Amino acid sequence: MKRSFQDYLFTLAVLTSVVRPILSLPPSNYSWGLEKALRTELFENANYSAFQRPVKKVDVKVALTLLTVNELNVRDQILSVSGYLSISWDDWRLSWSNTSATSQDYSNIDSLFSTEVNVWTPALIIENSIHDMSVISDIKIPMRIKSDGKIFWSPSGVYRVSCESDITYYPLDRQTCFIKISTWGYTKSEITLFMDENTPVDTTFYSENGEWDFLSSAGHTPSSQVRGGTWYSTLSFSITLRRKPVYHALNTLFPVILMTFLIPMVYKLPTESGEKMSYSLTVLLAYAVYLSLISDNIPSTSKSVCLLSLYLGVTLAFSTVSVNIVIFIIYAYFQEEKKAPYWANRIYKKIQTMRAKKKCDADVNKVVPSIKGEKNDTDVLGTVSESEQNNNEMNTLTYRRLSEILDHLFFVVYLTATILITIVFLVSIIINFYSSD
């Protein structure tokens, strides 16, 4: 029996209605078996090799997440931080988003997890590390593989790197340290490092350090470095820290400044007490000891000069000169009424003459009302006699008088110099401290 055209159309419609639901079935729900099938297809059936790069030139993006600063040793110039690197790159061989390229639909599997044992990873090193110069590696940390083939890996660790210290404003100093990352084995034409421009250094989970305040962080433009005539890709992250001031202000600056003002006080100590020399030597030795203690806490470098060491050095020089001056003052004091040296008498005479002239000019300009009949010859003779006596005293300078003059003179000189250098020192380090905000 011959079938009509309408029968063929009816049969086609029935078949379409049956096949269409089958073709439009949703992908299988996630299951352990489905993931195993995907792993088998990606790693075994496709002959995936962890030693082969995905493409000729792989672009690797790197970011740093800072968890805490463990230590910044200024003397040894070592920075220790805890954190992890966020490393990502594309590997098209591990993509299953295109269902036409796979045996079945795996779109219900969002991510796969693997380790560097099975997946190719870029060989990176911490270039300025002082603890371990090996390639960054941790087979216990899983890497996330997305359906589009993008791989995210976050190896963590405690990074101990060299940090060139600037000790100019110690102990109210701030330091900027760098963590430098470079490729190893792979040249720039094989791996190029990029930086996460939005957040190169993530401090969301940062915990404060007891000695250092975290000021800022930054990522620096990736560059190239030549090693053995071959160019390698490199980038760096900077971390700026400022020392917390309270401890060092109380235990370093405050004692040093107080000891500085002990030096002028030796000239107020009476010579006859017999303690003048021992006092000045005690202050000198105290400063020498404190200078050695400060030197133990700062690095032995000539790139920058520590203002605190300079301040202690100048004060130590003042104290050393003061000991010699005190010796001469004690010597002059016990010469008693013996006439002072010619040069001392000459200087003394000039100073006294200038003071007498200044006083005379002031008396001339001063108008004093006189009472008639009150001045007589006796008063005039008495005035002349007193003037002659003053002139004789002015022309004679004894050693004891010289010691008293030197005590007064050097007290003023040392107190003025101490105040000036202390103000300059404090203003310098305080301005630097607050300008770092």
Protein backbone atom coordinates (compact mmCIF):
# COMPACT_ATOMS: atom_id res chain seq x y z
CA MET A 1 0.00 0.00 0.00
CA LYS A 2 1.46 3.24 -1.03
CA ARG A 3 1.72 5.90 1.67
CA SER A 4 0.70 9.46 1.01
CA PHE A 5 2.84 12.57 1.53
CA GLN A 6 0.71 13.49 4.54
CA ASP A 7 1.67 10.22 6.24
CA TYR A 8 5.35 11.06 5.86
CA LEU A 9 4.82 14.49 7.39
CA PHE A 10 2.96 12.96 10.31
CA THR A 11 5.72 10.43 10.94
CA LEU A 12 8.39 13.19 10.86
CA ALA A 13 6.44 15.26 13.37
CA VAL A 14 6.15 12.29 15.75
CA LEU A 15 9.89 11.56 15.54
CA THR A 16 10.76 15.22 16.12
CA SER A 17 8.57 15.38 19.21
CA VAL A 18 10.32 12.31 20.62
CA VAL A 19 13.94 13.21 19.75
CA ARG A 20 13.79 16.89 20.72
CA PRO A 21 13.44 16.27 24.51
CA ILE A 22 16.29 13.81 24.36
CA LEU A 23 18.60 16.28 22.63
CA SER A 24 17.71 19.07 25.05
CA LEU A 25 18.39 17.09 28.22
CA PRO A 26 20.27 19.16 30.83
CA PRO A 27 23.86 18.21 31.61
CA SER A 28 24.42 15.56 34.23
CA ASN A 29 24.46 16.77 37.84
CA TYR A 30 27.80 16.89 39.65
CA SER A 31 28.96 13.55 40.92
CA TRP A 32 32.21 11.91 41.89
CA GLY A 33 32.02 9.75 38.80
CA LEU A 34 31.49 12.76 36.52
CA GLU A 35 34.56 14.53 37.93
CA LYS A 36 36.60 11.35 37.59
CA ALA A 37 35.54 11.07 33.95
CA LEU A 38 36.58 14.70 33.38
CA ARG A 39 39.99 14.15 35.00
CA THR A 40 40.54 11.05 32.92
CA GLU A 41 39.64 12.92 29.75
CA LEU A 42 41.83 15.95 30.53
CA PHE A 43 44.93 14.34 32.03
CA GLU A 44 45.07 10.81 30.64
CA ASN A 45 43.22 10.64 27.33
CA ALA A 46 44.68 13.95 26.16
CA ASN A 47 48.24 12.92 27.15
CA TYR A 48 48.68 16.01 29.33
CA SER A 49 52.31 16.71 30.34
CA ALA A 50 53.21 18.75 33.42
CA PHE A 51 56.64 19.48 31.92
CA GLN A 52 55.31 21.24 28.84
CA ARG A 53 54.19 24.87 28.74
CA PRO A 54 50.62 25.53 27.50
CA VAL A 55 51.90 27.95 24.85
CA LYS A 56 55.24 29.26 23.69
CA LYS A 57 54.97 32.40 25.87
CA VAL A 58 52.94 32.16 29.08
CA ASP A 59 51.65 35.31 30.78
CA VAL A 60 51.70 34.86 34.56
CA LYS A 61 49.93 37.30 36.88
CA VAL A 62 51.30 37.66 40.43
CA ALA A 63 49.92 39.42 43.52
CA LEU A 64 50.99 39.39 47.17
CA THR A 65 48.70 38.99 50.17
CA LEU A 66 50.41 40.25 53.32
CA LEU A 67 49.31 38.62 56.58
CA THR A 68 51.79 40.09 59.07
CA VAL A 69 55.28 41.47 59.52
CA ASN A 70 57.14 39.06 61.79
CA GLU A 71 60.34 41.05 62.19
CA LEU A 72 62.37 43.84 60.69
CA ASN A 73 65.92 43.58 61.96
CA VAL A 74 67.57 46.87 61.07
CA ARG A 75 71.01 45.80 62.25
CA ASP A 76 71.09 42.59 60.20
CA GLN A 77 68.96 44.20 57.45
CA ILE A 78 66.45 41.35 57.31
CA LEU A 79 62.68 41.54 56.79
CA SER A 80 60.50 38.57 57.71
CA VAL A 81 56.86 38.55 56.59
CA SER A 82 54.09 35.97 56.45
CA GLY A 83 51.79 35.86 53.45
CA TYR A 84 51.02 34.13 50.22
CA LEU A 85 51.40 34.77 46.51
CA SER A 86 48.38 34.69 44.21
CA ILE A 87 49.63 33.29 40.89
CA SER A 88 47.38 32.76 37.86
CA TRP A 89 47.86 31.75 34.22
CA ASP A 90 45.91 30.15 31.34
CA ASP A 91 46.28 26.54 30.26
CA TRP A 92 43.91 25.81 27.35
CA ARG A 93 44.61 22.08 27.62
CA LEU A 94 42.62 21.98 30.89
CA SER A 95 39.50 23.72 29.53
CA TRP A 96 36.12 21.98 29.34
CA SER A 97 33.80 24.95 28.77
CA ASN A 98 33.49 24.09 25.05
CA THR A 99 31.16 21.07 25.11
CA SER A 100 31.85 20.28 21.47
CA ALA A 101 35.48 19.49 22.33
CA THR A 102 34.62 17.03 25.11
CA SER A 103 32.93 13.64 25.08
CA GLN A 104 30.08 14.88 27.25
CA ASP A 105 28.76 18.02 28.90
CA TYR A 106 30.77 18.86 32.07
CA SER A 107 29.36 22.35 32.59
CA ASN A 108 28.02 21.40 36.04
CA ILE A 109 31.63 21.09 37.23
CA ASP A 110 32.77 24.59 38.02
CA SER A 111 36.32 23.84 39.18
CA LEU A 112 38.86 21.09 39.49
CA PHE A 113 41.62 20.89 42.07
CA SER A 114 45.09 19.55 41.53
CA THR A 115 48.69 20.08 42.59
CA GLU A 116 51.91 20.98 40.88
CA VAL A 117 52.68 17.27 40.55
CA ASN A 118 50.07 16.93 37.81
CA VAL A 119 49.82 20.49 36.42
CA TRP A 120 52.48 22.64 34.80
CA THR A 121 53.51 25.54 37.05
CA PRO A 122 55.81 28.51 36.36
CA ALA A 123 59.21 28.29 38.05
CA LEU A 124 59.49 31.39 40.28
CA ILE A 125 61.97 32.39 42.98
CA ILE A 126 62.21 35.08 45.67
CA GLU A 127 65.24 36.81 44.26
CA ASN A 128 66.39 38.61 47.44
CA SER A 129 65.62 35.75 49.81
CA ILE A 130 68.26 35.01 52.45
CA HIS A 131 66.75 31.79 53.73
CA ASP A 132 65.87 29.67 50.70
CA MET A 133 66.68 30.36 47.07
CA SER A 134 64.83 27.36 45.68
CA VAL A 135 61.86 27.55 43.32
CA ILE A 136 58.54 28.34 45.01
CA SER A 137 56.90 24.98 45.53
CA ASP A 138 54.39 23.29 47.82
CA ILE A 139 52.73 20.08 46.68
CA LYS A 140 50.29 20.23 49.59
CA ILE A 141 48.66 23.45 48.41
CA PRO A 142 45.93 22.74 45.81
CA MET A 143 45.50 24.86 42.73
CA ARG A 144 42.07 25.70 41.36
CA ILE A 145 41.40 24.98 37.67
CA LYS A 146 38.42 26.80 36.18
CA SER A 147 36.35 25.52 33.27
CA ASP A 148 37.89 28.04 30.87
CA GLY A 149 41.39 26.71 31.65
CA LYS A 150 42.45 29.50 34.00
CA ILE A 151 44.56 28.25 36.91
CA PHE A 152 44.84 29.93 40.33
CA TRP A 153 47.61 28.97 42.74
CA SER A 154 48.36 30.54 46.15
CA PRO A 155 51.55 29.16 47.71
CA SER A 156 52.04 30.55 51.21
CA GLY A 157 55.14 30.92 53.35
CA VAL A 158 57.32 32.98 55.64
CA TYR A 159 59.49 35.11 53.39
CA ARG A 160 62.83 36.32 54.82
CA VAL A 161 64.39 38.84 52.46
CA SER A 162 67.25 41.29 52.60
CA CYS A 163 66.20 44.88 53.29
CA GLU A 164 68.64 47.73 52.85
CA SER A 165 68.06 49.89 55.94
CA ASP A 166 68.16 53.68 56.12
CA ILE A 167 69.35 54.51 59.65
CA THR A 168 69.49 58.29 59.29
CA TYR A 169 66.56 58.96 61.60
CA TYR A 170 66.91 55.97 63.93
CA PRO A 171 65.09 55.33 66.30
CA LEU A 172 62.15 57.26 64.79
CA ASP A 173 62.86 55.81 61.38
CA ARG A 174 60.85 54.29 58.57
CA GLN A 175 62.03 51.56 56.27
CA THR A 176 61.00 50.52 52.77
CA CYS A 177 61.71 46.89 51.93
CA PHE A 178 61.23 44.98 48.68
CA ILE A 179 60.18 41.43 47.87
CA LYS A 180 61.58 40.64 44.43
CA ILE A 181 60.16 37.79 42.33
CA SER A 182 61.82 36.45 39.22
CA THR A 183 61.44 33.56 36.81
CA TRP A 184 63.93 30.73 37.04
CA GLY A 185 64.92 28.53 34.16
CA TYR A 186 62.36 30.07 31.81
CA THR A 187 63.52 33.19 29.96
CA LYS A 188 61.46 36.31 29.31
CA SER A 189 60.42 34.96 25.91
CA GLU A 190 58.97 31.88 27.63
CA ILE A 191 57.38 33.38 30.78
CA THR A 192 56.42 37.01 31.29
CA LEU A 193 55.38 38.22 34.74
CA PHE A 194 52.53 40.69 35.16
CA MET A 195 51.08 42.36 38.22
CA ASP A 196 47.54 42.68 39.45
CA GLU A 197 47.03 46.39 38.80
CA ASN A 198 44.03 46.69 41.12
CA THR A 199 45.54 45.21 44.28
CA PRO A 200 49.20 44.25 43.81
CA VAL A 201 49.55 43.91 47.60
CA ASP A 202 46.43 42.85 49.50
CA THR A 203 46.41 43.83 53.20
CA THR A 204 42.81 42.90 53.98
CA PHE A 205 43.91 40.24 56.48
CA TYR A 206 46.96 42.09 57.81
CA SER A 207 47.73 41.81 61.55
CA GLU A 208 49.62 44.64 63.25
CA ASN A 209 53.21 44.20 64.40
CA GLY A 210 54.19 45.25 67.93
CA GLU A 211 57.24 47.25 66.86
CA TRP A 212 56.38 48.55 63.39
CA ASP A 213 53.41 50.42 61.95
CA PHE A 214 52.39 49.47 58.43
CA LEU A 215 52.32 52.62 56.27
CA SER A 216 51.89 51.55 52.67
CA SER A 217 52.61 48.97 50.02
CA ALA A 218 52.96 49.04 46.27
CA GLY A 219 53.74 46.95 43.24
CA HIS A 220 56.42 48.10 40.86
CA THR A 221 56.39 47.84 37.10
CA PRO A 222 57.68 44.48 35.92
CA SER A 223 61.09 44.65 34.36
CA SER A 224 63.75 42.39 32.92
CA GLN A 225 67.00 41.22 34.40
CA VAL A 226 69.93 39.70 32.62
CA ARG A 227 71.67 36.67 34.08
CA GLY A 228 74.42 35.00 32.13
CA GLY A 229 73.53 36.95 29.00
CA THR A 230 69.86 35.83 29.12
CA TRP A 231 66.92 38.06 30.02
CA TYR A 232 64.48 36.95 32.71
CA SER A 233 61.21 38.55 33.74
CA THR A 234 61.05 40.05 37.25
CA LEU A 235 58.78 42.21 39.42
CA SER A 236 58.84 43.51 42.99
CA PHE A 237 56.55 44.54 45.83
CA SER A 238 57.49 47.26 48.33
CA ILE A 239 56.40 47.48 51.96
CA THR A 240 56.92 50.69 53.95
CA LEU A 241 57.04 50.44 57.74
CA ARG A 242 57.53 53.01 60.50
CA ARG A 243 58.92 52.23 63.92
CA LYS A 244 56.52 52.78 66.80
CA PRO A 245 57.96 55.67 68.84
CA VAL A 246 56.91 55.16 72.48
CA TYR A 247 59.40 52.49 73.54
CA HIS A 248 62.44 54.12 71.94
CA ALA A 249 61.42 57.62 73.02
CA LEU A 250 61.36 56.50 76.67
CA ASN A 251 64.34 54.16 76.61
CA THR A 252 66.68 55.80 74.11
CA LEU A 253 65.97 59.46 73.36
CA PHE A 254 64.86 60.59 76.81
CA PRO A 255 67.96 59.27 78.69
CA VAL A 256 70.34 60.56 76.03
CA ILE A 257 68.94 64.09 76.13
CA LEU A 258 68.90 64.17 79.95
CA MET A 259 72.53 63.06 80.06
CA THR A 260 73.46 65.81 77.62
CA PHE A 261 72.33 68.49 80.07
CA LEU A 262 74.57 67.04 82.77
CA ILE A 263 77.67 68.35 80.99
CA PRO A 264 77.16 72.12 81.62
CA MET A 265 76.32 71.44 85.28
CA VAL A 266 79.95 70.60 86.04
CA TYR A 267 80.75 74.33 85.85
CA LYS A 268 78.22 75.07 88.61
CA LEU A 269 79.83 72.56 90.95
CA PRO A 270 82.11 74.36 93.48
CA THR A 271 85.78 73.61 92.94
CA GLU A 272 86.51 73.28 96.65
CA SER A 273 84.05 70.37 96.87
CA GLY A 274 86.63 68.10 95.21
CA GLU A 275 83.97 66.43 93.01
CA LYS A 276 84.37 68.48 89.87
CA MET A 277 86.79 66.12 88.15
CA SER A 278 85.06 62.87 89.11
CA TYR A 279 81.71 64.29 87.97
CA SER A 280 82.98 65.25 84.50
CA LEU A 281 84.70 61.87 84.03
CA THR A 282 81.54 60.02 85.09
CA VAL A 283 79.47 61.88 82.49
CA LEU A 284 82.10 61.18 79.83
CA LEU A 285 82.16 57.45 80.57
CA ALA A 286 78.36 57.28 80.68
CA TYR A 287 78.17 58.76 77.21
CA ALA A 288 80.86 56.45 75.88
CA VAL A 289 78.92 53.43 77.18
CA TYR A 290 75.64 54.69 75.73
CA LEU A 291 77.27 55.31 72.35
CA SER A 292 78.47 51.69 72.26
CA LEU A 293 74.96 50.46 73.16
CA ILE A 294 73.40 52.46 70.34
CA SER A 295 76.06 51.23 67.90
CA ASP A 296 75.09 47.63 68.69
CA ASN A 297 71.55 48.25 67.41
CA ILE A 298 72.31 49.89 64.08
CA PRO A 299 73.91 48.29 61.01
CA SER A 300 77.56 48.79 60.18
CA THR A 301 77.01 50.74 56.98
CA SER A 302 78.43 53.93 55.54
CA LYS A 303 75.58 54.60 53.12
CA SER A 304 73.72 56.72 55.66
CA VAL A 305 74.75 58.46 58.88
CA CYS A 306 72.63 57.95 61.97
CA LEU A 307 71.72 61.34 63.44
CA LEU A 308 71.54 59.83 66.91
CA SER A 309 75.11 58.52 66.61
CA LEU A 310 76.20 61.91 65.30
CA TYR A 311 74.45 63.62 68.22
CA LEU A 312 76.11 61.28 70.72
CA GLY A 313 79.48 61.75 69.02
CA VAL A 314 79.27 65.55 69.18
CA THR A 315 78.15 65.40 72.82
CA LEU A 316 80.97 62.98 73.63
CA ALA A 317 83.42 65.44 72.06
CA PHE A 318 81.96 68.25 74.17
CA SER A 319 82.35 66.12 77.28
CA THR A 320 85.95 65.24 76.40
CA VAL A 321 86.86 68.91 75.92
CA SER A 322 85.02 69.70 79.15
CA VAL A 323 87.28 67.32 81.11
CA ASN A 324 90.36 69.25 79.94
CA ILE A 325 88.74 72.57 80.76
CA VAL A 326 87.83 71.35 84.26
CA ILE A 327 91.44 70.27 84.83
CA PHE A 328 92.65 73.79 84.01
CA ILE A 329 89.94 75.38 86.18
CA ILE A 330 90.95 73.24 89.18
CA TYR A 331 94.59 74.07 88.60
CA ALA A 332 93.84 77.82 88.43
CA TYR A 333 91.63 77.69 91.51
CA PHE A 334 94.34 76.25 93.75
CA GLN A 335 96.89 78.82 92.56
CA GLU A 336 94.80 81.18 94.67
CA GLU A 337 96.02 84.82 94.58
CA LYS A 338 98.91 84.22 92.23
CA LYS A 339 98.84 86.55 89.28
CA ALA A 340 97.33 85.04 86.16
CA PRO A 341 99.33 84.77 82.91
CA TYR A 342 100.00 87.89 80.91
CA TRP A 343 97.67 86.97 78.05
CA ALA A 344 94.81 86.33 80.49
CA ASN A 345 95.43 89.67 82.24
CA ARG A 346 95.50 91.45 78.92
CA ILE A 347 92.15 90.01 77.79
CA TYR A 348 90.66 90.65 81.23
CA LYS A 349 91.87 94.25 81.19
CA LYS A 350 90.29 94.93 77.80
CA ILE A 351 86.98 93.46 78.86
CA GLN A 352 86.95 95.43 82.09
CA THR A 353 87.87 98.64 80.27
CA MET A 354 85.00 98.14 77.85
CA ARG A 355 82.57 97.50 80.71
CA ALA A 356 83.82 100.56 82.65
CA LYS A 357 83.50 102.76 79.58
CA LYS A 358 80.00 101.52 78.95
CA LYS A 359 79.07 102.22 82.59
CA CYS A 360 80.63 105.68 82.47
CA ASP A 361 78.66 106.56 79.35
CA ALA A 362 75.49 105.43 81.08
CA ASP A 363 76.27 107.60 84.16
CA VAL A 364 76.94 110.64 81.99
CA ASN A 365 73.60 110.26 80.25
CA LYS A 366 71.86 109.83 83.56
CA VAL A 367 70.48 113.08 85.09
CA VAL A 368 70.78 113.16 88.91
CA PRO A 369 69.33 116.13 90.85
CA SER A 370 71.91 117.75 93.16
CA ILE A 371 71.35 119.40 96.52
CA LYS A 372 73.17 122.68 97.12
CA GLY A 373 75.95 122.55 99.67
CA GLU A 374 75.87 118.78 100.00
CA LYS A 375 79.07 117.95 98.05
CA ASN A 376 82.37 118.83 99.77
CA ASP A 377 86.09 118.19 99.25
CA THR A 378 86.02 115.08 101.37
CA ASP A 379 83.43 113.49 99.11
CA VAL A 380 85.45 114.34 96.02
CA LEU A 381 88.63 112.83 97.47
CA GLY A 382 86.69 109.75 98.50
CA THR A 383 85.36 109.32 94.98
CA VAL A 384 88.83 109.66 93.45
CA SER A 385 90.29 107.22 95.94
CA GLU A 386 87.55 104.68 95.20
CA SER A 387 88.08 105.05 91.46
CA GLU A 388 91.82 104.43 91.81
CA GLN A 389 91.16 101.36 93.92
CA ASN A 390 88.79 99.99 91.29
CA ASN A 391 91.37 100.59 88.57
CA ASN A 392 94.02 98.70 90.54
CA GLU A 393 91.64 95.78 91.01
CA MET A 394 90.76 95.88 87.34
CA ASN A 395 94.42 95.67 86.28
CA THR A 396 95.12 92.59 88.39
CA LEU A 397 93.70 89.15 87.57
CA THR A 398 94.45 86.29 89.94
CA TYR A 399 94.26 82.57 89.09
CA ARG A 400 91.33 82.08 91.45
CA ARG A 401 89.40 84.91 89.84
CA LEU A 402 90.29 83.39 86.44
CA SER A 403 88.84 80.00 87.48
CA GLU A 404 85.59 81.70 88.54
CA ILE A 405 85.36 83.55 85.23
CA LEU A 406 85.99 80.34 83.25
CA ASP A 407 83.32 78.49 85.24
CA HIS A 408 80.74 81.13 84.40
CA LEU A 409 81.84 81.47 80.76
CA PHE A 410 81.84 77.77 79.89
CA PHE A 411 78.58 77.14 81.70
CA VAL A 412 76.90 79.63 79.38
CA VAL A 413 78.72 78.33 76.28
CA TYR A 414 78.01 74.65 76.98
CA LEU A 415 74.40 75.20 77.98
CA THR A 416 73.74 77.22 74.82
CA ALA A 417 75.48 74.69 72.57
CA THR A 418 73.65 71.78 74.23
CA ILE A 419 70.26 73.39 73.75
CA LEU A 420 70.97 74.23 70.11
CA ILE A 421 72.22 70.79 69.01
CA THR A 422 69.41 69.07 70.94
CA ILE A 423 66.76 71.22 69.24
CA VAL A 424 68.28 70.61 65.79
CA PHE A 425 68.43 66.84 66.43
CA LEU A 426 64.88 66.55 67.76
CA VAL A 427 63.34 68.76 65.08
CA SER A 428 65.06 66.75 62.32
CA ILE A 429 63.80 63.33 63.44
CA ILE A 430 60.32 64.59 64.43
CA ILE A 431 59.77 66.30 61.06
CA ASN A 432 60.80 63.10 59.26
CA PHE A 433 58.56 61.01 61.53
CA TYR A 434 55.40 63.00 60.82
CA SER A 435 56.20 63.64 57.15
CA SER A 436 55.93 59.89 56.55
CA ASP A 437 52.15 59.92 57.17
